[in-house]
Amino acid sequence: MSQTRSWWRAPALWALLGALGIMLIVIYGANKFFGQDDAAAPVAEVTRNASPGIDGVIATNVPADQLRVGDCLQGFNSPLETSTVVTCLTAHNAQLIGTFTMDGDQFPGPAGILSRSEELCKSVALDPASPLDTGWSYHFSRPSEATWKNGDRLVACFLALNEGSVRVSMLPSESAALNT
């Protein structure tokens, strides 16, 4: 009886496949180690429409750090998400009503940051003629302990409707005139 080996049992074939596998792992690892940095590229400045059309849209997908005090926001969910900036005469559900820079070198702790942020945001003078009632909530972005170590002291204050929308600014007319 002759012994014939099947091609799939040949030791040379398995050695070749193993070497190819090891080479692929080495290439993948080298690419991860020496490859491009995974840091996010800086977000480009969003272009604002100086003459919005009938839809009232000034800019879409605006990151929080590019919002301006007085901006009226359509579809607002959170200060951490991008927003659509519209004229305040266009239906919107939130507005950036103010920004503040906190003082101090020592991080005041999560409770201290929360308390101070609430205090600062509630100190913003709102238009007494605006439709304020219990349907509004304050939202704010604030520094975390990690961002505080990097110099972040900014508190951004948003006033948002729990339901529905309005077509007015919540800020006094001299502030709102910037964005209508």
N, C-alpha and C. Protein backbone atom coordinates (compact mmCIF):
# COMPACT_ATOMS: atom_id res chain seq x y z
N MET A 1 0.82 -1.17 0.00
CA MET A 1 0.00 0.00 0.00
C MET A 1 0.87 1.24 0.00
N SER A 2 0.51 2.11 -0.86
CA SER A 2 1.28 3.34 -0.88
C SER A 2 0.62 4.37 0.02
N GLN A 3 1.47 5.12 0.63
CA GLN A 3 0.95 6.18 1.50
C GLN A 3 1.04 7.50 0.76
N THR A 4 -0.10 8.05 0.47
CA THR A 4 -0.12 9.37 -0.15
C THR A 4 -0.68 10.35 0.86
N ARG A 5 -0.05 11.43 0.89
CA ARG A 5 -0.53 12.47 1.82
C ARG A 5 -1.48 13.39 1.09
N SER A 6 -2.48 13.78 1.78
CA SER A 6 -3.37 14.80 1.23
C SER A 6 -2.67 16.13 1.33
N TRP A 7 -2.98 17.04 0.42
CA TRP A 7 -2.32 18.35 0.40
C TRP A 7 -2.54 19.12 1.69
N TRP A 8 -3.66 18.91 2.36
CA TRP A 8 -3.97 19.67 3.56
C TRP A 8 -3.23 19.16 4.78
N ARG A 9 -2.55 18.06 4.63
CA ARG A 9 -1.77 17.52 5.75
C ARG A 9 -0.29 17.85 5.62
N ALA A 10 0.08 18.49 4.56
CA ALA A 10 1.50 18.77 4.32
C ALA A 10 2.01 19.77 5.36
N PRO A 11 3.08 19.41 6.09
CA PRO A 11 3.63 20.30 7.11
C PRO A 11 4.11 21.62 6.53
N ALA A 12 4.59 21.63 5.33
CA ALA A 12 5.08 22.87 4.73
C ALA A 12 3.93 23.86 4.52
N LEU A 13 2.75 23.36 4.15
CA LEU A 13 1.59 24.23 3.96
C LEU A 13 1.17 24.86 5.28
N TRP A 14 1.14 24.08 6.33
CA TRP A 14 0.77 24.63 7.64
C TRP A 14 1.80 25.64 8.14
N ALA A 15 3.05 25.39 7.89
CA ALA A 15 4.10 26.33 8.28
C ALA A 15 3.93 27.65 7.53
N LEU A 16 3.60 27.57 6.24
CA LEU A 16 3.39 28.77 5.44
C LEU A 16 2.19 29.56 5.94
N LEU A 17 1.08 28.89 6.21
CA LEU A 17 -0.11 29.57 6.74
C LEU A 17 0.17 30.22 8.10
N GLY A 18 0.89 29.52 8.95
CA GLY A 18 1.24 30.07 10.26
C GLY A 18 2.12 31.30 10.13
N ALA A 19 3.09 31.24 9.22
CA ALA A 19 3.98 32.39 9.01
C ALA A 19 3.19 33.59 8.49
N LEU A 20 2.26 33.34 7.55
CA LEU A 20 1.42 34.44 7.05
C LEU A 20 0.57 35.04 8.15
N GLY A 21 0.01 34.20 8.99
CA GLY A 21 -0.80 34.69 10.12
C GLY A 21 0.01 35.56 11.06
N ILE A 22 1.19 35.09 11.40
CA ILE A 22 2.07 35.86 12.30
C ILE A 22 2.45 37.19 11.65
N MET A 23 2.75 37.17 10.35
CA MET A 23 3.12 38.39 9.65
C MET A 23 1.96 39.40 9.67
N LEU A 24 0.75 38.94 9.47
CA LEU A 24 -0.41 39.83 9.51
C LEU A 24 -0.61 40.45 10.89
N ILE A 25 -0.41 39.64 11.92
CA ILE A 25 -0.52 40.15 13.29
C ILE A 25 0.55 41.21 13.56
N VAL A 26 1.76 40.96 13.13
CA VAL A 26 2.85 41.92 13.32
C VAL A 26 2.55 43.22 12.56
N ILE A 27 2.08 43.12 11.33
CA ILE A 27 1.76 44.33 10.55
C ILE A 27 0.63 45.11 11.22
N TYR A 28 -0.41 44.42 11.66
CA TYR A 28 -1.53 45.07 12.33
C TYR A 28 -1.05 45.78 13.61
N GLY A 29 -0.25 45.08 14.41
CA GLY A 29 0.25 45.68 15.64
C GLY A 29 1.14 46.88 15.38
N ALA A 30 2.01 46.78 14.38
CA ALA A 30 2.88 47.91 14.04
C ALA A 30 2.06 49.10 13.58
N ASN A 31 1.03 48.85 12.80
CA ASN A 31 0.17 49.93 12.32
C ASN A 31 -0.54 50.61 13.49
N LYS A 32 -1.02 49.83 14.44
CA LYS A 32 -1.68 50.41 15.61
C LYS A 32 -0.69 51.20 16.47
N PHE A 33 0.51 50.67 16.62
CA PHE A 33 1.50 51.32 17.47
C PHE A 33 2.11 52.55 16.81
N PHE A 34 2.47 52.44 15.55
CA PHE A 34 3.15 53.52 14.85
C PHE A 34 2.22 54.32 13.93
N GLY A 35 0.99 53.86 13.80
CA GLY A 35 0.05 54.49 12.86
C GLY A 35 -0.40 55.86 13.33
N GLN A 36 -1.44 56.33 12.67
CA GLN A 36 -1.97 57.66 12.97
C GLN A 36 -2.47 57.73 14.39
N ASP A 37 -2.37 58.92 14.95
CA ASP A 37 -2.89 59.18 16.29
C ASP A 37 -4.41 59.14 16.23
N ASP A 38 -5.02 58.51 17.22
CA ASP A 38 -6.47 58.40 17.24
C ASP A 38 -7.16 59.64 17.79
N ALA A 39 -6.42 60.67 18.12
CA ALA A 39 -7.03 61.90 18.65
C ALA A 39 -7.95 62.49 17.59
N ALA A 40 -9.07 62.99 18.05
CA ALA A 40 -10.04 63.57 17.13
C ALA A 40 -9.49 64.86 16.53
N ALA A 41 -9.75 65.02 15.27
CA ALA A 41 -9.33 66.23 14.59
C ALA A 41 -10.16 67.40 15.11
N PRO A 42 -9.59 68.59 15.17
CA PRO A 42 -10.37 69.72 15.64
C PRO A 42 -11.58 69.95 14.72
N VAL A 43 -12.69 70.32 15.34
CA VAL A 43 -13.91 70.57 14.59
C VAL A 43 -13.79 71.91 13.89
N ALA A 44 -14.10 71.92 12.61
CA ALA A 44 -14.03 73.16 11.83
C ALA A 44 -15.08 74.14 12.33
N GLU A 45 -14.79 75.41 12.19
CA GLU A 45 -15.74 76.46 12.57
C GLU A 45 -16.97 76.35 11.68
N VAL A 46 -18.14 76.30 12.30
CA VAL A 46 -19.39 76.20 11.56
C VAL A 46 -19.70 77.56 10.95
N THR A 47 -20.10 77.55 9.68
CA THR A 47 -20.47 78.77 8.99
C THR A 47 -21.89 79.14 9.36
N ARG A 48 -22.08 80.40 9.75
CA ARG A 48 -23.41 80.90 10.11
C ARG A 48 -23.97 81.69 8.94
N ASN A 49 -25.24 81.48 8.67
CA ASN A 49 -25.94 82.20 7.61
C ASN A 49 -26.37 83.57 8.15
N ALA A 50 -25.80 84.63 7.61
CA ALA A 50 -26.12 85.98 8.07
C ALA A 50 -27.52 86.42 7.65
N SER A 51 -28.05 85.79 6.61
CA SER A 51 -29.40 86.12 6.12
C SER A 51 -30.21 84.84 5.98
N PRO A 52 -30.68 84.29 7.11
CA PRO A 52 -31.41 83.03 7.03
C PRO A 52 -32.69 83.19 6.22
N GLY A 53 -33.07 82.12 5.56
CA GLY A 53 -34.28 82.13 4.74
C GLY A 53 -35.52 81.99 5.59
N ILE A 54 -36.60 81.61 4.94
CA ILE A 54 -37.89 81.49 5.61
C ILE A 54 -37.88 80.43 6.71
N ASP A 55 -36.97 79.45 6.59
CA ASP A 55 -36.87 78.41 7.62
C ASP A 55 -36.19 78.91 8.89
N GLY A 56 -35.54 80.08 8.82
CA GLY A 56 -34.91 80.68 9.99
C GLY A 56 -33.62 80.02 10.45
N VAL A 57 -33.10 79.07 9.70
CA VAL A 57 -31.90 78.33 10.12
C VAL A 57 -30.65 79.19 9.89
N ILE A 58 -29.92 79.40 10.96
CA ILE A 58 -28.66 80.14 10.90
C ILE A 58 -27.49 79.18 10.68
N ALA A 59 -27.52 78.03 11.37
CA ALA A 59 -26.45 77.03 11.24
C ALA A 59 -26.95 75.70 11.79
N THR A 60 -26.45 74.61 11.20
CA THR A 60 -26.81 73.27 11.68
C THR A 60 -25.58 72.57 12.23
N ASN A 61 -25.83 71.59 13.06
CA ASN A 61 -24.76 70.77 13.66
C ASN A 61 -23.67 71.62 14.32
N VAL A 62 -24.11 72.57 15.12
CA VAL A 62 -23.17 73.47 15.79
C VAL A 62 -22.73 72.84 17.11
N PRO A 63 -21.42 72.60 17.28
CA PRO A 63 -20.93 72.06 18.56
C PRO A 63 -21.13 73.09 19.67
N ALA A 64 -21.27 72.60 20.88
CA ALA A 64 -21.54 73.46 22.02
C ALA A 64 -20.51 74.58 22.18
N ASP A 65 -19.24 74.30 21.87
CA ASP A 65 -18.21 75.32 22.06
C ASP A 65 -18.26 76.42 21.00
N GLN A 66 -19.14 76.29 20.00
CA GLN A 66 -19.29 77.33 18.99
C GLN A 66 -20.62 78.09 19.11
N LEU A 67 -21.40 77.75 20.13
CA LEU A 67 -22.63 78.49 20.36
C LEU A 67 -22.33 79.84 20.97
N ARG A 68 -23.21 80.81 20.73
CA ARG A 68 -23.05 82.16 21.25
C ARG A 68 -24.22 82.49 22.17
N VAL A 69 -23.96 83.31 23.17
CA VAL A 69 -25.03 83.73 24.07
C VAL A 69 -26.13 84.38 23.24
N GLY A 70 -27.36 83.95 23.49
CA GLY A 70 -28.52 84.44 22.76
C GLY A 70 -28.97 83.50 21.66
N ASP A 71 -28.14 82.51 21.29
CA ASP A 71 -28.53 81.56 20.25
C ASP A 71 -29.79 80.83 20.66
N CYS A 72 -30.77 80.80 19.75
CA CYS A 72 -31.99 80.03 19.94
C CYS A 72 -31.78 78.70 19.21
N LEU A 73 -32.17 77.60 19.88
CA LEU A 73 -31.82 76.27 19.42
C LEU A 73 -33.06 75.42 19.13
N GLN A 74 -33.04 74.82 17.98
CA GLN A 74 -34.14 73.96 17.54
C GLN A 74 -33.73 72.51 17.75
N GLY A 75 -34.60 71.70 18.34
CA GLY A 75 -34.31 70.29 18.56
C GLY A 75 -33.28 70.04 19.65
N PHE A 76 -33.16 70.96 20.60
CA PHE A 76 -32.19 70.83 21.69
C PHE A 76 -32.54 69.65 22.59
N ASN A 77 -31.54 68.82 22.88
CA ASN A 77 -31.69 67.71 23.82
C ASN A 77 -30.75 67.81 25.00
N SER A 78 -29.52 68.28 24.72
CA SER A 78 -28.48 68.30 25.75
C SER A 78 -27.39 69.28 25.36
N PRO A 79 -26.77 69.92 26.35
CA PRO A 79 -25.65 70.82 26.03
C PRO A 79 -24.46 70.10 25.41
N LEU A 80 -24.41 68.79 25.49
CA LEU A 80 -23.29 68.03 24.96
C LEU A 80 -23.49 67.62 23.50
N GLU A 81 -24.67 67.84 22.96
CA GLU A 81 -24.96 67.45 21.58
C GLU A 81 -24.88 68.68 20.68
N THR A 82 -24.68 68.44 19.38
CA THR A 82 -24.71 69.55 18.43
C THR A 82 -26.13 70.09 18.33
N SER A 83 -26.25 71.34 17.91
CA SER A 83 -27.55 71.99 17.86
C SER A 83 -27.76 72.69 16.53
N THR A 84 -29.03 72.96 16.22
CA THR A 84 -29.39 73.78 15.08
C THR A 84 -29.72 75.16 15.63
N VAL A 85 -28.99 76.17 15.17
CA VAL A 85 -29.23 77.55 15.61
C VAL A 85 -30.20 78.19 14.63
N VAL A 86 -31.27 78.78 15.17
CA VAL A 86 -32.28 79.44 14.36
C VAL A 86 -32.50 80.86 14.89
N THR A 87 -33.17 81.68 14.10
CA THR A 87 -33.55 82.99 14.61
C THR A 87 -34.52 82.77 15.76
N CYS A 88 -34.57 83.68 16.67
CA CYS A 88 -35.46 83.51 17.83
C CYS A 88 -36.93 83.67 17.44
N LEU A 89 -37.21 84.16 16.24
CA LEU A 89 -38.58 84.26 15.74
C LEU A 89 -39.03 82.94 15.10
N THR A 90 -38.11 81.99 14.97
CA THR A 90 -38.39 80.67 14.44
C THR A 90 -38.67 79.74 15.62
N ALA A 91 -39.57 78.78 15.43
CA ALA A 91 -39.89 77.84 16.51
C ALA A 91 -38.61 77.17 17.02
N HIS A 92 -38.42 77.24 18.33
CA HIS A 92 -37.25 76.62 18.96
C HIS A 92 -37.63 76.16 20.36
N ASN A 93 -36.81 75.29 20.93
CA ASN A 93 -37.14 74.77 22.26
C ASN A 93 -36.08 75.06 23.32
N ALA A 94 -35.05 75.83 22.97
CA ALA A 94 -34.02 76.16 23.96
C ALA A 94 -33.25 77.40 23.51
N GLN A 95 -32.53 77.98 24.47
CA GLN A 95 -31.71 79.14 24.18
C GLN A 95 -30.50 79.13 25.10
N LEU A 96 -29.33 79.49 24.54
CA LEU A 96 -28.13 79.67 25.36
C LEU A 96 -28.27 81.06 25.98
N ILE A 97 -28.48 81.11 27.28
CA ILE A 97 -28.79 82.39 27.94
C ILE A 97 -27.58 83.04 28.61
N GLY A 98 -26.49 82.32 28.76
CA GLY A 98 -25.32 82.94 29.37
C GLY A 98 -24.16 81.98 29.51
N THR A 99 -22.97 82.55 29.66
CA THR A 99 -21.77 81.77 29.96
C THR A 99 -21.02 82.46 31.08
N PHE A 100 -20.36 81.68 31.88
CA PHE A 100 -19.60 82.19 33.02
C PHE A 100 -18.29 81.44 33.14
N THR A 101 -17.29 82.11 33.67
CA THR A 101 -16.02 81.47 33.96
C THR A 101 -15.89 81.38 35.48
N MET A 102 -15.71 80.18 35.98
CA MET A 102 -15.57 79.98 37.43
C MET A 102 -14.16 80.35 37.86
N ASP A 103 -14.04 80.79 39.09
CA ASP A 103 -12.75 81.16 39.66
C ASP A 103 -12.18 80.00 40.49
N GLY A 104 -10.90 80.11 40.75
CA GLY A 104 -10.26 79.17 41.67
C GLY A 104 -9.34 78.19 40.99
N ASP A 105 -8.38 77.71 41.79
CA ASP A 105 -7.43 76.71 41.30
C ASP A 105 -7.84 75.31 41.73
N GLN A 106 -8.50 75.22 42.90
CA GLN A 106 -8.92 73.92 43.44
C GLN A 106 -10.28 73.54 42.87
N PHE A 107 -10.39 72.30 42.39
CA PHE A 107 -11.67 71.79 41.93
C PHE A 107 -12.62 71.70 43.12
N PRO A 108 -13.80 72.35 43.03
CA PRO A 108 -14.71 72.37 44.18
C PRO A 108 -15.51 71.09 44.41
N GLY A 109 -15.25 70.06 43.61
CA GLY A 109 -15.99 68.81 43.75
C GLY A 109 -17.27 68.85 42.93
N PRO A 110 -17.80 67.68 42.61
CA PRO A 110 -19.01 67.62 41.78
C PRO A 110 -20.19 68.39 42.38
N ALA A 111 -20.41 68.26 43.68
CA ALA A 111 -21.53 68.97 44.31
C ALA A 111 -21.30 70.48 44.28
N GLY A 112 -20.07 70.91 44.52
CA GLY A 112 -19.75 72.34 44.48
C GLY A 112 -19.91 72.92 43.08
N ILE A 113 -19.48 72.18 42.07
CA ILE A 113 -19.63 72.62 40.67
C ILE A 113 -21.10 72.73 40.32
N LEU A 114 -21.88 71.72 40.69
CA LEU A 114 -23.31 71.71 40.39
C LEU A 114 -24.01 72.89 41.06
N SER A 115 -23.74 73.10 42.32
CA SER A 115 -24.37 74.19 43.07
C SER A 115 -24.02 75.55 42.47
N ARG A 116 -22.74 75.76 42.20
CA ARG A 116 -22.29 77.04 41.64
C ARG A 116 -22.84 77.25 40.23
N SER A 117 -22.90 76.20 39.42
CA SER A 117 -23.45 76.31 38.06
C SER A 117 -24.92 76.70 38.10
N GLU A 118 -25.69 76.06 38.97
CA GLU A 118 -27.11 76.41 39.11
C GLU A 118 -27.27 77.86 39.53
N GLU A 119 -26.46 78.28 40.49
CA GLU A 119 -26.51 79.66 40.99
C GLU A 119 -26.21 80.66 39.86
N LEU A 120 -25.17 80.39 39.10
CA LEU A 120 -24.79 81.29 38.00
C LEU A 120 -25.88 81.35 36.93
N CYS A 121 -26.40 80.19 36.54
CA CYS A 121 -27.41 80.15 35.48
C CYS A 121 -28.71 80.83 35.90
N LYS A 122 -29.10 80.66 37.12
CA LYS A 122 -30.34 81.28 37.60
C LYS A 122 -30.18 82.77 37.85
N SER A 123 -28.94 83.28 37.81
CA SER A 123 -28.72 84.72 37.99
C SER A 123 -28.90 85.51 36.70
N VAL A 124 -29.04 84.81 35.56
CA VAL A 124 -29.19 85.49 34.27
C VAL A 124 -30.55 86.19 34.24
N ALA A 125 -30.52 87.48 33.90
CA ALA A 125 -31.76 88.26 33.81
C ALA A 125 -32.52 87.83 32.55
N LEU A 126 -33.75 87.40 32.74
CA LEU A 126 -34.59 86.98 31.62
C LEU A 126 -35.62 88.07 31.32
N ASP A 127 -36.13 88.05 30.11
CA ASP A 127 -37.13 89.03 29.69
C ASP A 127 -38.43 88.76 30.46
N PRO A 128 -38.90 89.76 31.23
CA PRO A 128 -40.13 89.54 32.00
C PRO A 128 -41.35 89.30 31.10
N ALA A 129 -41.28 89.72 29.84
CA ALA A 129 -42.39 89.52 28.91
C ALA A 129 -42.35 88.13 28.25
N SER A 130 -41.28 87.39 28.45
CA SER A 130 -41.16 86.06 27.83
C SER A 130 -42.11 85.09 28.53
N PRO A 131 -42.51 84.04 27.82
CA PRO A 131 -43.49 83.09 28.37
C PRO A 131 -42.88 82.10 29.35
N LEU A 132 -42.40 82.60 30.47
CA LEU A 132 -41.81 81.72 31.48
C LEU A 132 -42.89 81.10 32.35
N ASP A 133 -42.81 79.81 32.52
CA ASP A 133 -43.70 79.10 33.43
C ASP A 133 -42.97 77.85 33.91
N THR A 134 -43.68 76.93 34.44
CA THR A 134 -43.03 75.73 34.98
C THR A 134 -42.60 74.75 33.90
N GLY A 135 -42.88 75.04 32.64
CA GLY A 135 -42.51 74.15 31.55
C GLY A 135 -41.07 74.29 31.10
N TRP A 136 -40.28 75.11 31.80
CA TRP A 136 -38.88 75.35 31.41
C TRP A 136 -37.94 74.68 32.39
N SER A 137 -36.77 74.29 31.90
CA SER A 137 -35.73 73.70 32.75
C SER A 137 -34.39 74.32 32.40
N TYR A 138 -33.56 74.48 33.43
CA TYR A 138 -32.18 74.92 33.21
C TYR A 138 -31.33 73.70 32.89
N HIS A 139 -30.49 73.86 31.88
CA HIS A 139 -29.49 72.85 31.53
C HIS A 139 -28.16 73.60 31.47
N PHE A 140 -27.10 72.95 31.82
CA PHE A 140 -25.81 73.62 31.71
C PHE A 140 -24.70 72.61 31.51
N SER A 141 -23.68 73.09 30.82
CA SER A 141 -22.46 72.30 30.75
C SER A 141 -21.52 72.92 31.77
N ARG A 142 -20.70 72.11 32.36
CA ARG A 142 -19.81 72.59 33.42
C ARG A 142 -18.55 71.74 33.41
N PRO A 143 -17.50 72.24 34.02
CA PRO A 143 -16.24 71.47 34.03
C PRO A 143 -16.36 70.20 34.88
N SER A 144 -15.66 69.18 34.47
CA SER A 144 -15.50 67.98 35.29
C SER A 144 -14.15 68.11 35.98
N GLU A 145 -13.84 67.20 36.85
CA GLU A 145 -12.54 67.26 37.53
C GLU A 145 -11.40 67.14 36.52
N ALA A 146 -11.59 66.27 35.52
CA ALA A 146 -10.54 66.08 34.50
C ALA A 146 -10.36 67.33 33.65
N THR A 147 -11.45 67.96 33.22
CA THR A 147 -11.31 69.16 32.38
C THR A 147 -10.84 70.35 33.21
N TRP A 148 -11.17 70.37 34.49
CA TRP A 148 -10.72 71.45 35.39
C TRP A 148 -9.19 71.44 35.45
N LYS A 149 -8.60 70.25 35.51
CA LYS A 149 -7.14 70.14 35.56
C LYS A 149 -6.49 70.70 34.31
N ASN A 150 -7.24 70.70 33.19
CA ASN A 150 -6.74 71.23 31.92
C ASN A 150 -7.10 72.70 31.72
N GLY A 151 -7.64 73.34 32.77
CA GLY A 151 -7.93 74.77 32.70
C GLY A 151 -9.37 75.14 32.35
N ASP A 152 -10.25 74.16 32.19
CA ASP A 152 -11.65 74.45 31.86
C ASP A 152 -12.37 75.01 33.08
N ARG A 153 -12.93 76.19 32.92
CA ARG A 153 -13.70 76.82 34.00
C ARG A 153 -15.06 77.31 33.48
N LEU A 154 -15.42 76.95 32.24
CA LEU A 154 -16.60 77.51 31.59
C LEU A 154 -17.88 76.79 31.99
N VAL A 155 -18.89 77.59 32.32
CA VAL A 155 -20.24 77.10 32.55
C VAL A 155 -21.11 77.75 31.48
N ALA A 156 -21.81 76.93 30.69
CA ALA A 156 -22.73 77.43 29.67
C ALA A 156 -24.15 77.13 30.14
N CYS A 157 -25.01 78.15 30.14
CA CYS A 157 -26.36 78.03 30.68
C CYS A 157 -27.40 78.02 29.56
N PHE A 158 -28.24 77.00 29.57
CA PHE A 158 -29.31 76.85 28.59
C PHE A 158 -30.64 76.84 29.32
N LEU A 159 -31.63 77.45 28.71
CA LEU A 159 -32.99 77.38 29.20
C LEU A 159 -33.76 76.62 28.14
N ALA A 160 -34.40 75.51 28.52
CA ALA A 160 -35.07 74.65 27.54
C ALA A 160 -36.49 74.33 27.98
N LEU A 161 -37.36 74.28 26.99
CA LEU A 161 -38.74 73.86 27.23
C LEU A 161 -38.78 72.35 27.43
N ASN A 162 -39.60 71.90 28.36
CA ASN A 162 -39.77 70.47 28.55
C ASN A 162 -40.57 69.88 27.40
N GLU A 163 -41.50 70.64 26.84
CA GLU A 163 -42.31 70.23 25.69
C GLU A 163 -42.64 71.46 24.86
N GLY A 164 -42.81 71.27 23.56
CA GLY A 164 -43.25 72.34 22.68
C GLY A 164 -42.13 73.27 22.25
N SER A 165 -42.54 74.43 21.74
CA SER A 165 -41.57 75.41 21.26
C SER A 165 -42.14 76.82 21.42
N VAL A 166 -41.27 77.80 21.28
CA VAL A 166 -41.64 79.22 21.35
C VAL A 166 -41.03 79.92 20.14
N ARG A 167 -41.45 81.16 19.94
CA ARG A 167 -40.93 81.97 18.85
C ARG A 167 -40.47 83.34 19.36
N VAL A 168 -39.90 83.34 20.55
CA VAL A 168 -39.38 84.57 21.15
C VAL A 168 -38.09 84.27 21.88
N SER A 169 -37.32 85.30 22.14
CA SER A 169 -36.12 85.15 22.95
C SER A 169 -36.51 85.23 24.41
N MET A 170 -35.81 84.49 25.23
CA MET A 170 -36.03 84.54 26.67
C MET A 170 -35.20 85.63 27.33
N LEU A 171 -34.30 86.23 26.56
CA LEU A 171 -33.43 87.29 27.07
C LEU A 171 -34.05 88.65 26.80
N PRO A 172 -33.70 89.65 27.59
CA PRO A 172 -34.18 91.00 27.32
C PRO A 172 -33.82 91.43 25.91
N SER A 173 -34.58 92.33 25.33
CA SER A 173 -34.46 92.67 23.90
C SER A 173 -33.06 93.09 23.48
N GLU A 174 -32.28 93.76 24.32
CA GLU A 174 -30.93 94.15 23.90
C GLU A 174 -30.03 92.94 23.71
N SER A 175 -30.25 91.86 24.46
CA SER A 175 -29.48 90.63 24.27
C SER A 175 -30.00 89.84 23.09
N ALA A 176 -31.31 89.79 22.95
CA ALA A 176 -31.94 89.00 21.89
C ALA A 176 -31.72 89.62 20.52
N ALA A 177 -31.51 90.92 20.45
CA ALA A 177 -31.34 91.58 19.17
C ALA A 177 -30.13 91.02 18.41
N LEU A 178 -29.22 90.41 19.12
CA LEU A 178 -28.05 89.82 18.47
C LEU A 178 -28.42 88.66 17.58
N ASN A 179 -29.57 88.03 17.84
CA ASN A 179 -29.88 86.78 17.16
C ASN A 179 -31.27 86.73 16.55
N THR A 180 -31.84 87.82 16.16
CA THR A 180 -33.16 87.77 15.50
C THR A 180 -33.08 88.25 14.10
